[in-house]
Amino acid sequence: MLPLYFRAATAADVPALVTLVTSAYRGDASRIGWTTEADLLDGDRIDPTLLRADIERPRSRVVVAGTADAAMVACAHVADVDGQGYFGMFAVDPRRQGGGIGRAMLAECERIAGHEWDLPAMRMTVIDVRDELIAWYVRLGYRRTGEVLPFPYGDTRFGIPKRDDLRFEVLHKPLRVAG
């Protein structure tokens, strides 16, 4: 893996971010990698207007990872939500998955939440039928909380479900030792 650099996304990055996130989760291109949701959802994975709002709001950062040969190979959103880190919109170019880029991106977002913002924990939501993805997060220190949230059926900004049993499971990881 080429060395990664990280930077905060700007509004000018929105079109490229939408393309990257879509390629990792939707359609046939996403099937190259292991993060595809193509069997679960059609349509958009990210709404450009919501993405721009995430980039512009305080204590919210869309992080972009690049390499010497590509300006954007991964992205994720980290934010302070109610005094805890929230991790989402995580995408790695499907052609580059499985090489450590995702692990490095997650670590960078944990560093931002824990060290820059001094937040005690990180939370995320994952579609609960994504067993392989949840297992990956568990190996990286996240725990299943048992808390589930409804999937936003009817809101096509987040995709068009192909199933009627989708919901989100909340995962949690402490970022510092209580003491």
N, C-alpha and C. Protein backbone atom coordinates (compact mmCIF):
# COMPACT_ATOMS: atom_id res chain seq x y z
N MET A 1 0.86 -1.19 0.00
CA MET A 1 0.00 0.00 0.00
C MET A 1 0.89 1.24 0.00
N LEU A 2 0.59 2.16 -0.88
CA LEU A 2 1.29 3.45 -0.90
C LEU A 2 0.95 4.21 0.38
N PRO A 3 1.86 5.07 0.84
CA PRO A 3 1.53 5.88 2.02
C PRO A 3 0.28 6.73 1.77
N LEU A 4 -0.54 6.84 2.82
CA LEU A 4 -1.76 7.65 2.74
C LEU A 4 -1.52 9.02 3.33
N TYR A 5 -2.22 9.99 2.82
CA TYR A 5 -2.31 11.28 3.48
C TYR A 5 -3.79 11.55 3.70
N PHE A 6 -4.09 12.33 4.73
CA PHE A 6 -5.47 12.65 5.07
C PHE A 6 -5.66 14.15 5.00
N ARG A 7 -6.85 14.55 4.61
CA ARG A 7 -7.22 15.97 4.59
C ARG A 7 -8.71 16.09 4.79
N ALA A 8 -9.13 17.29 5.18
CA ALA A 8 -10.56 17.57 5.32
C ALA A 8 -11.13 17.89 3.94
N ALA A 9 -12.27 17.32 3.64
CA ALA A 9 -12.95 17.60 2.38
C ALA A 9 -13.47 19.03 2.35
N THR A 10 -13.62 19.55 1.17
CA THR A 10 -14.23 20.86 0.96
C THR A 10 -15.46 20.69 0.08
N ALA A 11 -16.23 21.74 -0.05
CA ALA A 11 -17.43 21.68 -0.90
C ALA A 11 -17.07 21.31 -2.34
N ALA A 12 -15.89 21.68 -2.80
CA ALA A 12 -15.46 21.33 -4.16
C ALA A 12 -15.30 19.83 -4.35
N ASP A 13 -15.15 19.08 -3.26
CA ASP A 13 -14.98 17.62 -3.32
C ASP A 13 -16.30 16.86 -3.44
N VAL A 14 -17.43 17.52 -3.27
CA VAL A 14 -18.71 16.82 -3.20
C VAL A 14 -18.94 15.89 -4.40
N PRO A 15 -18.78 16.34 -5.65
CA PRO A 15 -19.03 15.41 -6.76
C PRO A 15 -18.14 14.16 -6.71
N ALA A 16 -16.86 14.32 -6.43
CA ALA A 16 -15.95 13.17 -6.36
C ALA A 16 -16.29 12.27 -5.19
N LEU A 17 -16.71 12.84 -4.07
CA LEU A 17 -17.10 12.04 -2.91
C LEU A 17 -18.35 11.22 -3.21
N VAL A 18 -19.33 11.82 -3.87
CA VAL A 18 -20.55 11.09 -4.23
C VAL A 18 -20.18 9.91 -5.14
N THR A 19 -19.29 10.13 -6.09
CA THR A 19 -18.86 9.06 -7.00
C THR A 19 -18.14 7.95 -6.23
N LEU A 20 -17.23 8.31 -5.34
CA LEU A 20 -16.49 7.32 -4.55
C LEU A 20 -17.43 6.49 -3.68
N VAL A 21 -18.30 7.15 -2.93
CA VAL A 21 -19.22 6.45 -2.03
C VAL A 21 -20.15 5.54 -2.82
N THR A 22 -20.67 6.02 -3.92
CA THR A 22 -21.56 5.21 -4.75
C THR A 22 -20.82 3.99 -5.29
N SER A 23 -19.59 4.16 -5.73
CA SER A 23 -18.83 3.04 -6.30
C SER A 23 -18.55 1.96 -5.26
N ALA A 24 -18.46 2.33 -4.00
CA ALA A 24 -18.17 1.35 -2.95
C ALA A 24 -19.40 0.58 -2.50
N TYR A 25 -20.60 1.11 -2.76
CA TYR A 25 -21.81 0.51 -2.19
C TYR A 25 -22.88 0.11 -3.19
N ARG A 26 -22.95 0.75 -4.33
CA ARG A 26 -24.08 0.54 -5.22
C ARG A 26 -23.63 0.06 -6.60
N GLY A 27 -24.50 -0.69 -7.23
CA GLY A 27 -24.29 -1.10 -8.61
C GLY A 27 -23.21 -2.15 -8.78
N ASP A 28 -23.00 -2.54 -10.04
CA ASP A 28 -22.05 -3.61 -10.35
C ASP A 28 -20.62 -3.24 -10.00
N ALA A 29 -20.23 -1.98 -10.12
CA ALA A 29 -18.86 -1.58 -9.78
C ALA A 29 -18.54 -1.91 -8.32
N SER A 30 -19.53 -1.82 -7.45
CA SER A 30 -19.29 -2.07 -6.03
C SER A 30 -19.01 -3.54 -5.73
N ARG A 31 -19.39 -4.42 -6.63
CA ARG A 31 -19.21 -5.86 -6.39
C ARG A 31 -17.74 -6.29 -6.43
N ILE A 32 -16.87 -5.44 -6.94
CA ILE A 32 -15.43 -5.72 -6.94
C ILE A 32 -14.93 -5.83 -5.50
N GLY A 33 -15.44 -4.97 -4.63
CA GLY A 33 -15.02 -4.95 -3.23
C GLY A 33 -15.96 -5.76 -2.36
N TRP A 34 -15.70 -5.75 -1.06
CA TRP A 34 -16.53 -6.54 -0.14
C TRP A 34 -17.53 -5.70 0.63
N THR A 35 -17.61 -4.39 0.34
CA THR A 35 -18.54 -3.52 1.07
C THR A 35 -19.85 -3.29 0.33
N THR A 36 -20.05 -3.94 -0.77
CA THR A 36 -21.23 -3.68 -1.59
C THR A 36 -22.54 -3.87 -0.81
N GLU A 37 -23.48 -3.01 -1.13
CA GLU A 37 -24.85 -3.15 -0.64
C GLU A 37 -25.80 -3.37 -1.83
N ALA A 38 -25.22 -3.74 -2.98
CA ALA A 38 -25.99 -3.84 -4.22
C ALA A 38 -27.14 -4.84 -4.13
N ASP A 39 -27.01 -5.86 -3.28
CA ASP A 39 -28.10 -6.81 -3.12
C ASP A 39 -29.17 -6.34 -2.14
N LEU A 40 -28.86 -5.27 -1.41
CA LEU A 40 -29.78 -4.75 -0.40
C LEU A 40 -30.50 -3.48 -0.85
N LEU A 41 -29.79 -2.63 -1.61
CA LEU A 41 -30.31 -1.30 -1.94
C LEU A 41 -29.93 -0.90 -3.35
N ASP A 42 -30.80 -0.13 -3.97
CA ASP A 42 -30.52 0.56 -5.24
C ASP A 42 -30.49 2.05 -4.93
N GLY A 43 -30.24 2.84 -5.96
CA GLY A 43 -30.32 4.29 -5.82
C GLY A 43 -29.09 4.89 -5.17
N ASP A 44 -29.25 6.10 -4.67
CA ASP A 44 -28.14 6.86 -4.11
C ASP A 44 -27.71 6.32 -2.76
N ARG A 45 -26.44 6.46 -2.44
CA ARG A 45 -25.92 6.11 -1.13
C ARG A 45 -25.71 7.36 -0.29
N ILE A 46 -25.51 8.49 -0.96
CA ILE A 46 -25.27 9.75 -0.25
C ILE A 46 -25.93 10.89 -1.01
N ASP A 47 -26.51 11.79 -0.28
CA ASP A 47 -27.18 12.96 -0.85
C ASP A 47 -26.18 14.12 -0.86
N PRO A 48 -25.94 14.75 -2.02
CA PRO A 48 -24.96 15.84 -2.09
C PRO A 48 -25.27 17.01 -1.15
N THR A 49 -26.54 17.32 -0.95
CA THR A 49 -26.90 18.43 -0.06
C THR A 49 -26.56 18.09 1.39
N LEU A 50 -26.87 16.87 1.82
CA LEU A 50 -26.50 16.45 3.18
C LEU A 50 -24.99 16.39 3.34
N LEU A 51 -24.31 15.92 2.33
CA LEU A 51 -22.85 15.84 2.37
C LEU A 51 -22.24 17.23 2.53
N ARG A 52 -22.72 18.18 1.77
CA ARG A 52 -22.22 19.56 1.88
C ARG A 52 -22.47 20.11 3.29
N ALA A 53 -23.62 19.82 3.86
CA ALA A 53 -23.92 20.27 5.23
C ALA A 53 -22.96 19.64 6.24
N ASP A 54 -22.64 18.34 6.05
CA ASP A 54 -21.68 17.68 6.95
C ASP A 54 -20.30 18.32 6.85
N ILE A 55 -19.90 18.71 5.65
CA ILE A 55 -18.59 19.35 5.45
C ILE A 55 -18.55 20.71 6.14
N GLU A 56 -19.65 21.43 6.14
CA GLU A 56 -19.67 22.82 6.60
C GLU A 56 -19.98 23.00 8.08
N ARG A 57 -20.58 22.01 8.73
CA ARG A 57 -21.00 22.25 10.12
C ARG A 57 -19.85 22.07 11.10
N PRO A 58 -19.93 22.76 12.24
CA PRO A 58 -18.87 22.66 13.26
C PRO A 58 -18.79 21.26 13.85
N ARG A 59 -17.60 20.86 14.27
CA ARG A 59 -17.34 19.57 14.91
C ARG A 59 -17.85 18.42 14.05
N SER A 60 -17.63 18.58 12.76
CA SER A 60 -17.98 17.58 11.76
C SER A 60 -16.91 17.67 10.69
N ARG A 61 -16.38 16.53 10.30
CA ARG A 61 -15.34 16.55 9.28
C ARG A 61 -15.54 15.35 8.35
N VAL A 62 -15.55 15.63 7.07
CA VAL A 62 -15.48 14.58 6.07
C VAL A 62 -14.01 14.46 5.73
N VAL A 63 -13.45 13.29 6.03
CA VAL A 63 -12.02 13.04 5.87
C VAL A 63 -11.81 12.31 4.54
N VAL A 64 -10.83 12.77 3.79
CA VAL A 64 -10.45 12.16 2.53
C VAL A 64 -9.06 11.58 2.68
N ALA A 65 -8.86 10.36 2.18
CA ALA A 65 -7.54 9.75 2.12
C ALA A 65 -7.10 9.70 0.67
N GLY A 66 -5.85 10.08 0.44
CA GLY A 66 -5.27 10.03 -0.89
C GLY A 66 -3.92 9.35 -0.84
N THR A 67 -3.40 9.05 -2.01
CA THR A 67 -2.06 8.47 -2.15
C THR A 67 -1.31 9.26 -3.21
N ALA A 68 -0.06 8.92 -3.41
CA ALA A 68 0.73 9.60 -4.43
C ALA A 68 0.15 9.42 -5.83
N ASP A 69 -0.58 8.31 -6.04
CA ASP A 69 -1.12 8.06 -7.38
C ASP A 69 -2.62 8.34 -7.52
N ALA A 70 -3.28 8.73 -6.42
CA ALA A 70 -4.72 9.00 -6.50
C ALA A 70 -5.11 10.00 -5.41
N ALA A 71 -5.80 11.05 -5.81
CA ALA A 71 -6.17 12.10 -4.86
C ALA A 71 -7.22 11.67 -3.86
N MET A 72 -8.02 10.65 -4.20
CA MET A 72 -9.10 10.24 -3.30
C MET A 72 -9.31 8.72 -3.42
N VAL A 73 -8.85 7.99 -2.40
CA VAL A 73 -9.02 6.53 -2.41
C VAL A 73 -9.99 6.07 -1.33
N ALA A 74 -10.30 6.96 -0.38
CA ALA A 74 -11.22 6.62 0.70
C ALA A 74 -11.76 7.90 1.32
N CYS A 75 -12.88 7.74 2.03
CA CYS A 75 -13.46 8.87 2.75
C CYS A 75 -14.28 8.34 3.91
N ALA A 76 -14.55 9.22 4.85
CA ALA A 76 -15.43 8.90 5.97
C ALA A 76 -15.87 10.22 6.59
N HIS A 77 -16.95 10.14 7.34
CA HIS A 77 -17.47 11.29 8.06
C HIS A 77 -17.33 11.02 9.54
N VAL A 78 -16.74 11.96 10.27
CA VAL A 78 -16.65 11.87 11.72
C VAL A 78 -17.25 13.16 12.27
N ALA A 79 -18.04 13.03 13.33
CA ALA A 79 -18.71 14.20 13.89
C ALA A 79 -18.89 14.02 15.40
N ASP A 80 -19.05 15.13 16.07
CA ASP A 80 -19.42 15.14 17.48
C ASP A 80 -20.95 15.17 17.52
N VAL A 81 -21.52 14.07 17.97
CA VAL A 81 -22.98 13.97 18.10
C VAL A 81 -23.29 13.69 19.56
N ASP A 82 -23.85 14.67 20.22
CA ASP A 82 -24.24 14.53 21.63
C ASP A 82 -23.07 14.11 22.51
N GLY A 83 -21.88 14.66 22.26
CA GLY A 83 -20.73 14.41 23.11
C GLY A 83 -20.01 13.10 22.86
N GLN A 84 -20.34 12.42 21.76
CA GLN A 84 -19.62 11.22 21.35
C GLN A 84 -19.27 11.33 19.88
N GLY A 85 -18.23 10.63 19.47
CA GLY A 85 -17.89 10.59 18.07
C GLY A 85 -18.92 9.77 17.32
N TYR A 86 -19.21 10.18 16.10
CA TYR A 86 -20.05 9.39 15.21
C TYR A 86 -19.26 9.17 13.93
N PHE A 87 -19.21 7.93 13.48
CA PHE A 87 -18.46 7.54 12.29
C PHE A 87 -19.43 7.04 11.24
N GLY A 88 -19.33 7.58 10.04
CA GLY A 88 -20.23 7.15 8.97
C GLY A 88 -19.68 7.50 7.60
N MET A 89 -20.49 7.25 6.58
CA MET A 89 -20.15 7.53 5.18
C MET A 89 -18.77 7.00 4.82
N PHE A 90 -18.44 5.85 5.31
CA PHE A 90 -17.14 5.24 5.15
C PHE A 90 -17.08 4.53 3.81
N ALA A 91 -16.11 4.89 2.98
CA ALA A 91 -15.99 4.25 1.67
C ALA A 91 -14.53 4.16 1.27
N VAL A 92 -14.17 3.02 0.71
CA VAL A 92 -12.85 2.80 0.11
C VAL A 92 -13.09 2.38 -1.33
N ASP A 93 -12.33 2.93 -2.24
CA ASP A 93 -12.41 2.54 -3.64
C ASP A 93 -12.41 1.01 -3.71
N PRO A 94 -13.42 0.39 -4.33
CA PRO A 94 -13.51 -1.07 -4.34
C PRO A 94 -12.27 -1.77 -4.89
N ARG A 95 -11.54 -1.12 -5.80
CA ARG A 95 -10.34 -1.72 -6.38
C ARG A 95 -9.17 -1.73 -5.39
N ARG A 96 -9.32 -0.99 -4.29
CA ARG A 96 -8.23 -0.89 -3.30
C ARG A 96 -8.61 -1.48 -1.94
N GLN A 97 -9.76 -2.12 -1.86
CA GLN A 97 -10.19 -2.69 -0.59
C GLN A 97 -9.36 -3.92 -0.24
N GLY A 98 -9.23 -4.15 1.05
CA GLY A 98 -8.50 -5.31 1.53
C GLY A 98 -7.02 -5.08 1.72
N GLY A 99 -6.56 -3.85 1.59
CA GLY A 99 -5.13 -3.55 1.71
C GLY A 99 -4.76 -2.68 2.89
N GLY A 100 -5.68 -2.42 3.80
CA GLY A 100 -5.37 -1.64 4.98
C GLY A 100 -5.81 -0.18 4.93
N ILE A 101 -6.32 0.28 3.81
CA ILE A 101 -6.75 1.68 3.70
C ILE A 101 -7.92 1.95 4.65
N GLY A 102 -8.90 1.05 4.69
CA GLY A 102 -10.05 1.24 5.56
C GLY A 102 -9.66 1.30 7.02
N ARG A 103 -8.79 0.40 7.44
CA ARG A 103 -8.32 0.38 8.83
C ARG A 103 -7.61 1.70 9.17
N ALA A 104 -6.80 2.21 8.24
CA ALA A 104 -6.10 3.48 8.46
C ALA A 104 -7.08 4.64 8.54
N MET A 105 -8.11 4.64 7.69
CA MET A 105 -9.12 5.70 7.71
C MET A 105 -9.88 5.69 9.02
N LEU A 106 -10.29 4.52 9.47
CA LEU A 106 -11.00 4.42 10.75
C LEU A 106 -10.12 4.93 11.88
N ALA A 107 -8.85 4.56 11.89
CA ALA A 107 -7.93 5.02 12.93
C ALA A 107 -7.79 6.54 12.91
N GLU A 108 -7.74 7.13 11.73
CA GLU A 108 -7.64 8.59 11.63
C GLU A 108 -8.89 9.25 12.20
N CYS A 109 -10.05 8.71 11.90
CA CYS A 109 -11.29 9.29 12.43
C CYS A 109 -11.37 9.12 13.95
N GLU A 110 -10.91 7.99 14.46
CA GLU A 110 -10.86 7.79 15.91
C GLU A 110 -9.90 8.79 16.55
N ARG A 111 -8.77 9.07 15.87
CA ARG A 111 -7.81 10.06 16.38
C ARG A 111 -8.45 11.45 16.45
N ILE A 112 -9.17 11.82 15.41
CA ILE A 112 -9.83 13.13 15.40
C ILE A 112 -10.82 13.22 16.56
N ALA A 113 -11.69 12.23 16.69
CA ALA A 113 -12.72 12.26 17.73
C ALA A 113 -12.10 12.20 19.13
N GLY A 114 -11.14 11.32 19.31
CA GLY A 114 -10.58 11.11 20.65
C GLY A 114 -9.53 12.12 21.06
N HIS A 115 -8.65 12.48 20.14
CA HIS A 115 -7.54 13.37 20.51
C HIS A 115 -7.81 14.84 20.20
N GLU A 116 -8.32 15.13 19.01
CA GLU A 116 -8.59 16.53 18.67
C GLU A 116 -9.81 17.06 19.41
N TRP A 117 -10.87 16.26 19.49
CA TRP A 117 -12.12 16.72 20.07
C TRP A 117 -12.33 16.21 21.48
N ASP A 118 -11.45 15.35 21.98
CA ASP A 118 -11.51 14.81 23.34
C ASP A 118 -12.85 14.14 23.66
N LEU A 119 -13.36 13.37 22.71
CA LEU A 119 -14.62 12.66 22.91
C LEU A 119 -14.32 11.27 23.50
N PRO A 120 -15.19 10.76 24.36
CA PRO A 120 -14.89 9.52 25.07
C PRO A 120 -15.11 8.25 24.25
N ALA A 121 -15.91 8.31 23.20
CA ALA A 121 -16.28 7.09 22.50
C ALA A 121 -16.68 7.41 21.06
N MET A 122 -16.70 6.35 20.25
CA MET A 122 -17.17 6.45 18.87
C MET A 122 -18.36 5.52 18.71
N ARG A 123 -19.35 6.01 17.99
CA ARG A 123 -20.54 5.20 17.67
C ARG A 123 -20.71 5.19 16.16
N MET A 124 -21.39 4.18 15.69
CA MET A 124 -21.71 4.09 14.28
C MET A 124 -22.95 3.23 14.13
N THR A 125 -23.57 3.31 12.98
CA THR A 125 -24.68 2.43 12.66
C THR A 125 -24.32 1.65 11.41
N VAL A 126 -24.67 0.35 11.43
CA VAL A 126 -24.40 -0.54 10.31
C VAL A 126 -25.69 -1.32 10.04
N ILE A 127 -26.02 -1.51 8.77
CA ILE A 127 -27.18 -2.34 8.45
C ILE A 127 -26.96 -3.71 9.08
N ASP A 128 -27.91 -4.15 9.88
CA ASP A 128 -27.67 -5.31 10.75
C ASP A 128 -27.51 -6.64 10.03
N VAL A 129 -27.85 -6.72 8.74
CA VAL A 129 -27.62 -7.96 8.01
C VAL A 129 -26.22 -8.01 7.38
N ARG A 130 -25.42 -7.00 7.61
CA ARG A 130 -24.05 -6.93 7.08
C ARG A 130 -23.09 -7.62 8.05
N ASP A 131 -23.25 -8.93 8.22
CA ASP A 131 -22.49 -9.69 9.21
C ASP A 131 -20.98 -9.58 9.04
N GLU A 132 -20.49 -9.67 7.81
CA GLU A 132 -19.04 -9.61 7.56
C GLU A 132 -18.48 -8.24 7.96
N LEU A 133 -19.21 -7.18 7.66
CA LEU A 133 -18.77 -5.84 8.00
C LEU A 133 -18.80 -5.63 9.52
N ILE A 134 -19.86 -6.07 10.16
CA ILE A 134 -19.95 -5.94 11.62
C ILE A 134 -18.81 -6.72 12.28
N ALA A 135 -18.51 -7.92 11.78
CA ALA A 135 -17.41 -8.72 12.34
C ALA A 135 -16.08 -7.98 12.19
N TRP A 136 -15.87 -7.27 11.10
CA TRP A 136 -14.64 -6.50 10.89
C TRP A 136 -14.53 -5.40 11.96
N TYR A 137 -15.63 -4.68 12.20
CA TYR A 137 -15.60 -3.65 13.23
C TYR A 137 -15.37 -4.25 14.62
N VAL A 138 -15.97 -5.38 14.90
CA VAL A 138 -15.76 -6.04 16.19
C VAL A 138 -14.28 -6.40 16.37
N ARG A 139 -13.63 -6.88 15.32
CA ARG A 139 -12.19 -7.18 15.40
C ARG A 139 -11.37 -5.93 15.69
N LEU A 140 -11.89 -4.77 15.34
CA LEU A 140 -11.19 -3.51 15.57
C LEU A 140 -11.61 -2.83 16.88
N GLY A 141 -12.31 -3.55 17.74
CA GLY A 141 -12.61 -3.04 19.07
C GLY A 141 -14.01 -2.51 19.29
N TYR A 142 -14.85 -2.53 18.28
CA TYR A 142 -16.22 -2.08 18.45
C TYR A 142 -17.05 -3.20 19.05
N ARG A 143 -18.08 -2.82 19.78
CA ARG A 143 -18.96 -3.85 20.33
C ARG A 143 -20.39 -3.59 19.87
N ARG A 144 -21.10 -4.67 19.75
CA ARG A 144 -22.51 -4.59 19.39
C ARG A 144 -23.27 -4.17 20.64
N THR A 145 -24.07 -3.13 20.53
CA THR A 145 -24.79 -2.61 21.70
C THR A 145 -26.15 -3.26 21.89
N GLY A 146 -26.67 -3.90 20.86
CA GLY A 146 -28.03 -4.43 20.92
C GLY A 146 -29.07 -3.39 20.55
N GLU A 147 -28.65 -2.15 20.44
CA GLU A 147 -29.56 -1.07 20.05
C GLU A 147 -29.76 -1.11 18.54
N VAL A 148 -31.01 -1.04 18.10
CA VAL A 148 -31.30 -1.00 16.68
C VAL A 148 -32.13 0.24 16.37
N LEU A 149 -31.94 0.75 15.18
CA LEU A 149 -32.66 1.93 14.71
C LEU A 149 -33.33 1.58 13.40
N PRO A 150 -34.46 2.20 13.11
CA PRO A 150 -35.17 1.86 11.87
C PRO A 150 -34.42 2.36 10.63
N PHE A 151 -34.55 1.64 9.54
CA PHE A 151 -34.05 2.10 8.26
C PHE A 151 -35.02 3.17 7.74
N PRO A 152 -34.52 4.23 7.11
CA PRO A 152 -35.42 5.31 6.66
C PRO A 152 -36.15 4.96 5.36
N TYR A 153 -37.03 3.96 5.46
CA TYR A 153 -37.84 3.58 4.30
C TYR A 153 -38.61 4.79 3.80
N GLY A 154 -38.66 4.96 2.50
CA GLY A 154 -39.39 6.08 1.91
C GLY A 154 -38.54 7.31 1.67
N ASP A 155 -37.35 7.38 2.26
CA ASP A 155 -36.45 8.50 2.04
C ASP A 155 -35.37 8.06 1.06
N THR A 156 -35.58 8.33 -0.21
CA THR A 156 -34.70 7.83 -1.26
C THR A 156 -33.32 8.48 -1.26
N ARG A 157 -33.09 9.48 -0.41
CA ARG A 157 -31.75 10.06 -0.30
C ARG A 157 -30.75 9.02 0.20
N PHE A 158 -31.23 7.95 0.82
CA PHE A 158 -30.36 6.93 1.40
C PHE A 158 -30.46 5.60 0.67
N GLY A 159 -31.16 5.58 -0.43
CA GLY A 159 -31.26 4.36 -1.22
C GLY A 159 -32.68 3.86 -1.32
N ILE A 160 -32.85 2.91 -2.23
CA ILE A 160 -34.15 2.28 -2.46
C ILE A 160 -34.01 0.82 -2.03
N PRO A 161 -34.61 0.46 -0.90
CA PRO A 161 -34.44 -0.90 -0.36
C PRO A 161 -34.99 -1.97 -1.29
N LYS A 162 -34.27 -3.09 -1.35
CA LYS A 162 -34.72 -4.27 -2.09
C LYS A 162 -35.33 -5.29 -1.15
N ARG A 163 -35.31 -4.99 0.14
CA ARG A 163 -35.86 -5.88 1.17
C ARG A 163 -36.65 -5.03 2.16
N ASP A 164 -37.53 -5.67 2.90
CA ASP A 164 -38.35 -4.94 3.86
C ASP A 164 -37.93 -5.19 5.31
N ASP A 165 -36.75 -5.79 5.53
CA ASP A 165 -36.32 -6.12 6.89
C ASP A 165 -35.04 -5.39 7.30
N LEU A 166 -34.71 -4.28 6.63
CA LEU A 166 -33.48 -3.57 6.95
C LEU A 166 -33.64 -2.69 8.18
N ARG A 167 -32.62 -2.68 8.99
CA ARG A 167 -32.53 -1.78 10.13
C ARG A 167 -31.06 -1.58 10.45
N PHE A 168 -30.77 -0.61 11.30
CA PHE A 168 -29.40 -0.30 11.68
C PHE A 168 -29.11 -0.84 13.07
N GLU A 169 -27.92 -1.38 13.23
CA GLU A 169 -27.44 -1.76 14.56
C GLU A 169 -26.39 -0.75 14.97
N VAL A 170 -26.42 -0.33 16.23
CA VAL A 170 -25.46 0.63 16.77
C VAL A 170 -24.25 -0.13 17.32
N LEU A 171 -23.06 0.29 16.88
CA LEU A 171 -21.81 -0.23 17.41
C LEU A 171 -21.12 0.88 18.20
N HIS A 172 -20.31 0.50 19.18
CA HIS A 172 -19.71 1.46 20.12
C HIS A 172 -18.28 1.04 20.44
N LYS A 173 -17.40 2.04 20.59
CA LYS A 173 -16.02 1.77 21.01
C LYS A 173 -15.55 2.91 21.90
N PRO A 174 -15.08 2.59 23.10
CA PRO A 174 -14.47 3.64 23.93
C PRO A 174 -13.18 4.14 23.26
N LEU A 175 -12.96 5.43 23.33
CA LEU A 175 -11.74 6.01 22.76
C LEU A 175 -10.72 6.35 23.84
N ARG A 176 -11.12 6.31 25.07
CA ARG A 176 -10.19 6.53 26.17
C ARG A 176 -10.65 5.72 27.36
N VAL A 177 -9.73 5.43 28.21
CA VAL A 177 -10.04 4.64 29.40
C VAL A 177 -10.68 5.55 30.44
N ALA A 178 -11.81 5.12 30.98
CA ALA A 178 -12.47 5.90 32.03
C ALA A 178 -11.58 5.89 33.27
N GLY A 179 -11.57 7.00 33.95
CA GLY A 179 -10.73 7.00 35.15
C GLY A 179 -10.82 8.21 35.96
